[in-house]
Amino acid sequence: MIRPTALLALSLSLLATAASARVCVDDDADRRVCLEQPAERIVALSPGATELLFDAGGGERLVGAVSYSDFPPAAKKLPRVGSYKRLDLEAILALKPDLVVAWISGNPGTQVDRLEDLGLTVYRGEPLRFTDVADTLERLAVLAGPAGRQRRRRPFPGRHRRAAPALRRRRAGDGVL
């Protein structure tokens, strides 16, 4: 027979595990993006998003990408879901993603909105500055889960942050960084 205190401890443990599985980040559109658990099936809607997902450790969870997503070489094997400027919504839905990574200024906003209307969770990214890339990598690693963070190919976010001051000095005046 289970004692009441043991049952309570087990219940609290299960609740804590369930709560810790939920992952949330703020995207570049200043929206909170939450998943009940780290993404298992991800679709990238730009070549840049595809590469960032691989660098963030989420490459094994990618199930679809747009045309010209060709780096790293493993990205070439992913099913195509249109181009960044003309998405194939049916192909995206058929892949049953639990996360779609969109490009704010590159993807058609009406099509991305439609994906959300159809119930998909969308992370909208727009890394404009060098340091934004590091932030995006960290957010995508959170959405891909602990396994994604452990599989990252290299300590990319930290490298970007450390390199930014030197790049600013070299590129002073051109307004890029």
Protein backbone atom coordinates (compact mmCIF):
# COMPACT_ATOMS: atom_id res chain seq x y z
CA MET A 1 0.00 0.00 0.00
CA ILE A 2 1.29 3.47 -0.90
CA ARG A 3 1.55 5.94 1.95
CA PRO A 4 -0.08 9.35 1.47
CA THR A 5 3.26 11.14 1.80
CA ALA A 6 4.81 8.93 -0.89
CA LEU A 7 1.85 9.57 -3.17
CA LEU A 8 2.15 13.32 -2.60
CA ALA A 9 5.89 13.23 -3.33
CA LEU A 10 5.30 11.24 -6.52
CA SER A 11 2.59 13.67 -7.66
CA LEU A 12 4.80 16.70 -7.03
CA SER A 13 7.67 15.04 -8.87
CA LEU A 14 5.47 14.35 -11.91
CA LEU A 15 4.18 17.94 -11.89
CA ALA A 16 7.72 19.31 -11.70
CA THR A 17 8.80 17.11 -14.61
CA ALA A 18 5.83 18.21 -16.71
CA ALA A 19 6.43 21.87 -15.90
CA SER A 20 10.12 21.64 -16.73
CA ALA A 21 9.37 20.13 -20.15
CA ARG A 22 7.62 23.35 -21.28
CA VAL A 23 9.97 25.65 -23.17
CA CYS A 24 9.40 29.32 -23.99
CA VAL A 25 11.39 32.05 -25.73
CA ASP A 26 10.67 35.53 -27.05
CA ASP A 27 11.08 35.78 -30.81
CA ASP A 28 12.23 38.77 -32.87
CA ALA A 29 8.62 39.88 -33.36
CA ASP A 30 8.44 40.35 -29.56
CA ARG A 31 6.06 37.43 -29.21
CA ARG A 32 6.28 34.68 -26.61
CA VAL A 33 6.72 31.29 -28.31
CA CYS A 34 6.01 28.29 -26.09
CA LEU A 35 6.02 24.55 -26.67
CA GLU A 36 4.74 21.96 -24.22
CA GLN A 37 8.03 20.12 -24.75
CA PRO A 38 11.09 20.74 -26.91
CA ALA A 39 10.36 20.53 -30.63
CA GLU A 40 10.62 17.12 -32.23
CA ARG A 41 9.64 18.15 -35.77
CA ILE A 42 10.87 21.50 -37.09
CA VAL A 43 10.39 23.18 -40.47
CA ALA A 44 12.72 26.04 -41.48
CA LEU A 45 11.34 28.68 -43.85
CA SER A 46 14.65 30.23 -44.92
CA PRO A 47 18.11 28.91 -45.76
CA GLY A 48 19.49 31.01 -42.91
CA ALA A 49 17.05 29.48 -40.42
CA THR A 50 18.08 26.01 -41.60
CA GLU A 51 21.76 26.72 -40.98
CA LEU A 52 21.05 28.33 -37.60
CA LEU A 53 18.99 25.33 -36.52
CA PHE A 54 21.85 23.00 -37.39
CA ASP A 55 24.27 25.22 -35.46
CA ALA A 56 21.88 25.34 -32.50
CA GLY A 57 21.81 21.53 -32.35
CA GLY A 58 18.37 21.10 -33.87
CA GLY A 59 19.44 19.69 -37.23
CA GLU A 60 18.32 16.16 -36.39
CA ARG A 61 14.85 17.52 -35.64
CA LEU A 62 14.46 19.31 -38.97
CA VAL A 63 11.86 17.61 -41.15
CA GLY A 64 11.56 20.23 -43.90
CA ALA A 65 13.19 23.32 -45.36
CA VAL A 66 12.80 25.73 -48.26
CA SER A 67 14.76 25.65 -51.50
CA TYR A 68 18.41 26.76 -51.38
CA SER A 69 18.77 25.33 -47.87
CA ASP A 70 22.03 23.60 -48.71
CA PHE A 71 24.30 24.08 -45.70
CA PRO A 72 25.43 22.06 -43.95
CA PRO A 73 25.36 19.26 -46.55
CA ALA A 74 22.77 17.32 -44.49
CA ALA A 75 20.29 20.13 -45.22
CA LYS A 76 20.23 19.12 -48.90
CA LYS A 77 18.46 15.88 -47.93
CA LEU A 78 15.49 17.59 -46.26
CA PRO A 79 12.10 17.60 -47.99
CA ARG A 80 11.35 20.97 -49.64
CA VAL A 81 8.41 23.12 -48.60
CA GLY A 82 8.56 25.77 -51.32
CA SER A 83 10.84 28.80 -51.42
CA TYR A 84 11.31 31.45 -48.77
CA LYS A 85 9.06 33.81 -50.71
CA ARG A 86 6.42 31.28 -51.73
CA LEU A 87 5.70 28.62 -49.14
CA ASP A 88 3.95 25.35 -49.91
CA LEU A 89 1.49 25.32 -47.02
CA GLU A 90 0.19 21.84 -47.82
CA ALA A 91 3.71 20.40 -47.79
CA ILE A 92 4.41 22.10 -44.45
CA LEU A 93 1.20 20.79 -42.90
CA ALA A 94 1.88 17.28 -44.22
CA LEU A 95 5.16 17.20 -42.27
CA LYS A 96 3.23 17.81 -39.02
CA PRO A 97 5.82 20.14 -37.45
CA ASP A 98 5.51 21.19 -33.85
CA LEU A 99 7.66 24.25 -34.64
CA VAL A 100 8.04 26.39 -37.75
CA VAL A 101 10.93 28.87 -37.91
CA ALA A 102 10.04 31.85 -40.13
CA TRP A 103 11.97 34.86 -41.43
CA ILE A 104 10.18 38.13 -40.65
CA SER A 105 11.29 40.19 -43.66
CA GLY A 106 11.72 37.29 -46.08
CA ASN A 107 8.64 35.09 -45.77
CA PRO A 108 5.20 36.28 -46.91
CA GLY A 109 3.52 37.46 -43.71
CA THR A 110 0.08 36.31 -44.85
CA GLN A 111 1.32 32.76 -45.41
CA VAL A 112 3.12 32.66 -42.04
CA ASP A 113 -0.03 34.02 -40.35
CA ARG A 114 -2.05 31.29 -42.09
CA LEU A 115 0.24 28.62 -40.63
CA GLU A 116 -0.53 29.99 -37.18
CA ASP A 117 -4.24 30.13 -37.98
CA LEU A 118 -3.97 26.42 -38.84
CA GLY A 119 -2.60 25.72 -35.37
CA LEU A 120 1.16 25.60 -35.94
CA THR A 121 3.60 27.23 -33.54
CA VAL A 122 5.78 29.77 -35.35
CA TYR A 123 9.03 31.34 -34.19
CA ARG A 124 9.69 34.54 -36.18
CA GLY A 125 13.35 35.44 -36.53
CA GLU A 126 15.16 38.46 -37.91
CA PRO A 127 18.81 38.50 -36.82
CA LEU A 128 19.96 41.87 -38.19
CA ARG A 129 23.18 42.37 -36.25
CA PHE A 130 26.05 40.02 -35.59
CA THR A 131 25.11 39.72 -31.91
CA ASP A 132 21.49 38.95 -32.89
CA VAL A 133 22.77 35.72 -34.43
CA ALA A 134 24.07 34.60 -31.03
CA ASP A 135 20.70 35.41 -29.41
CA THR A 136 18.85 33.51 -32.13
CA LEU A 137 21.10 30.48 -31.73
CA GLU A 138 20.44 30.40 -28.00
CA ARG A 139 16.67 30.68 -28.48
CA LEU A 140 16.60 27.95 -31.12
CA ALA A 141 18.68 25.72 -28.85
CA VAL A 142 16.07 26.20 -26.11
CA LEU A 143 13.24 25.28 -28.49
CA ALA A 144 15.18 22.23 -29.70
CA GLY A 145 15.61 21.13 -26.07
CA PRO A 146 18.49 19.93 -23.91
CA ALA A 147 19.59 17.34 -26.45
CA GLY A 148 19.84 20.12 -29.04
CA ARG A 149 21.98 22.27 -26.77
CA GLN A 150 24.32 19.33 -26.13
CA ARG A 151 24.62 18.50 -29.85
CA ARG A 152 25.62 22.00 -30.94
CA ARG A 153 28.53 21.71 -33.34
CA ARG A 154 30.51 24.52 -31.70
CA PRO A 155 30.13 27.23 -29.05
CA PHE A 156 28.72 29.58 -31.68
CA PRO A 157 26.81 32.12 -29.53
CA GLY A 158 29.81 32.89 -27.34
CA ARG A 159 32.09 33.25 -30.33
CA HIS A 160 29.72 35.73 -31.93
CA ARG A 161 29.53 37.85 -28.80
CA ARG A 162 33.32 37.84 -28.32
CA ALA A 163 33.96 38.75 -31.97
CA ALA A 164 31.42 41.59 -32.16
CA PRO A 165 33.60 44.38 -30.61
CA ALA A 166 36.48 43.72 -33.03
CA LEU A 167 34.11 43.71 -35.98
CA ARG A 168 32.55 46.97 -34.80
CA ARG A 169 35.99 48.61 -34.71
CA ARG A 170 36.88 47.31 -38.18
CA ARG A 171 33.53 48.28 -39.69
CA ALA A 172 33.12 51.61 -37.87
CA GLY A 173 31.01 54.02 -39.83
CA ASP A 174 29.33 51.63 -42.23
CA GLY A 175 26.26 51.11 -40.02
CA VAL A 176 26.24 47.31 -40.35
CA LEU A 177 26.84 46.35 -36.72
